[in-house]
Amino acid sequence: MNSIQELLKLKFTTLSFEKKMEIKSLGRPLPTLFNLIQESKKGNKIYRRRFNPELFQKYKWLCGCETNVKLFCFPCVCFGGDWSWSKTGVTDLIHLLSKINKHENSFKHIQNEANLKILGTVNIDAGYKLGIKRHNEQVYKNRDVLEKILNCVKFCGKYELPLCDRDVKVKSKNQGVFCGLIDLYSNFDQNLRDHLQNSMVFNEPSKTIQNELLDCILNVVRNQILIEIHNSDFVSIIVDETTDTANSFQLALIFRYEINGKPVEHFWGYLNPKGHNVESLTQTILKEINPILEKTPSKLIAQSYDGVVVMSDQNTRVNTRVKEKYPFANFVHCYAHQLNLIMIQATSQNKQIKIFFSNLSEISEFFSSSPQRVAVLNDIVGSRLPRTVQTCWNFHIKTINTVYEYRESLIECMDKIVSISLQSCTINKATGLKRLLTDETFIFWLTIFHKIMPHVDCLHKVVQAKNTDPVQIQKSIDCFTKEISKIRDDMTNICQYISKYSDIENTFKRRKIEDNINSRKLAALEVCDVLSIQAQSRFDFTKHLTIAKLFQNDKYEEYKYTFPLTTLNIFVECYPFFVQERLKTELEVMYSRDDFHSLCGVIPTINYISNNNMEDTFKEVFKLLKLLVVIPMTSSEAERSFSTLKRIKTCLRGTMNEERLNALTMLSIESCMINEDNSFNQKVINEFIKIKERKMNFVYVDV
């Protein structure tokens, strides 16, 4: 349709708008016109000139007719103009450039070219533009109001302050920190105040709006974490068992990866497994990480757990099941997991032991909640009990030792508190704790753990020490299991010793005493077995500590002459996706260079390589360094100053009864990530708009 012959037959100005737009979209015809030749004679010589198709690129209006073998002006063919360029065509190649220059500077040509370019564009009148302008001004105000409300939500989350505990439709003098903060904000912001006072919609900070904003915040932060994981070479997961005040079991999931040579740990969320069995825990964890890592299983290079997650048989543990899907995800002990959690894992398998630790925490809580009771404690015992924390991360060894050593004095404390107190609640608690301190079962487990805990503490100090290595850890584990075995072998004598307490004999009926003693003895033997097994399994994989020795700069001079080939082979065995020959050569070069000898540790080395643009030169070493950064190390390190787990447990205490716990924890834990993103609020607002159709306008309209 856009050939010159067709256009000459049609009258372009009489065509429908759709036909005109079709011709415009097809564009000008650009035949090669190789047969457009002009001959000229000068003397006895004949000269031939051929058309140069490159002129089509230089002059955007120039076109040609393949049938007539002539040149035309496309805008003038459409709208009419110079006869030669719009009707008859041009074939004079000798004077072509002069004709082109003359034509494109003509009034009619410029007019026709302008008409063709504006064909199809909407002619927006002044009234329509004014309407769009007013709409966008209102959208700006609406988004500004929403951003102020969002800032109040972020403030409460960052500082772990309670949000609305009810909808504002329920009138109350105390509407919560969130609503109070908005009221305060409106006193200093005219736009927010006018909106709250005059708007018919979105004029109350309801709990629904608050929850929707929290959901959007969670989505935006998670999207950023997903982008960073996608750009990282390696990832590890840290899963921690948490229990709130309602004794609700859940798992906290953390992703650890590397950004710019530094390890980062980002909270992902709380997981709620349906049960405590291996199948349920495994499915819950895999359901969360599979959408993120399933396509790149080799990216997950470590997994770390605490609590009941790693209990069970060697071949049916959660970490074993996860490794079936992610073959390089070795189970490592994380620096943030206190080793006395091994003891807590043992207690979770027996109801009596659960009750024992629950009762033990009641003793500490009884004294820590009252200065008067503490005064009595100091007067009689002279030692304060450590205050407990209601999460399963913390349990003080000192509590066991103090209660064991001062049990009789604590009984005396309870008698004195009962005699001087005027509050029935205090008297009831003191009486109950006195009975507890003379309870045969309580004393049995107090004695058992008093013998066990010093050995747990010693093992903990070794594995958390700086510059520890697999040999030291294995020696400590052997020593630990040996001492636990001694306690196990001596269990009969321990039981006989405990049964000789006269105050116990007089307190309880003698019915089935022997059966109870045998039952507790079997349970205590099981505790010893679990402790030994867990100590071995938790440190079953420590090869990453050996690999880290490749970057001990004080040994570079030794490595220069005696290469640590055994260590390298151990590493390649664990992670076979490295090119061993290239890695060995790069390490040899690194050991031979003096500039690397002053770099102490993994992070300074990775930064030095990156700052000097040597990532491609030491590509295998660089990849190895990033792998080591991502593994949650057992030993103390410089980068250990941060612990996402520690921050999570602190946050959990302040937000235990809040809805949207994932989002609230995210606001507190990931406040640095949120503050560094200058467009964070706009991202959240855009997410908020997508949830459902809003009565207020939040979307700008383009002119």
Foldseek 3Di string as FASTA:
>chain_A
DLALVVLLVDQLVPDDLVVLVVNLVVAAAQDQLQVLKDWDDDDPDIDIDGDHSCVCVVDVQWHAHPVVSFIAGSLCLHVNDDCQRNPVGDRPPVCVVVVVVVVCPDPVNVVSVVVSVCRPPDDDDPVNVVVQVVQVVQLVLVLVLLLQLLVLLLVCLQVLFDAAPAFVVPPDPDRGSSQVSLVVVCVVDVSNVCCLVPPPPPNGPTPVSSVLLLVLLLVLVVVVVLVVLVVFQAKEKEKEWKAAPVRQIWIWIWIWADDLLFIDIATNFIWHFPDLDLVRVLVRVCVVCCVRCQVPLQRHQEYEYFASQQDDDPCRGSQNVSCVRRVRHYYAYFQLQQLCSLLVNLLVVDPLSVVLVVLLLLVLVLQVVDPVLVVLCCVQVVDHADHDDPISRDDDPVSLVSCLVCLVSLLVSLVVCLVPDPDPVSVVSSVVNNCLSLELSSNLVSVLCNQLVVLSVVLRCQLAAALHAPVSNVVSLVVSLVSLVVCLVCLVVSLVVSVPPPSNVVPDDPPCPVVVSVVVNVSSNSSSVSSSVCSCVNPVDRLLSLLQVLLALVCLQVCLVPPPVVNLVSVCVSPVVFDSVLQSVLSNVLSPDPVSSVQHGLSSVLNVCVVVVNCVVNVRSNSVSSVSSNYSGRYDDPSVPDDLVVLLSVSCNSCVPPPSSGSSSSSNSVVVVCVVDPCSSVSSVVSSCVPDPDPRDNDRDDD
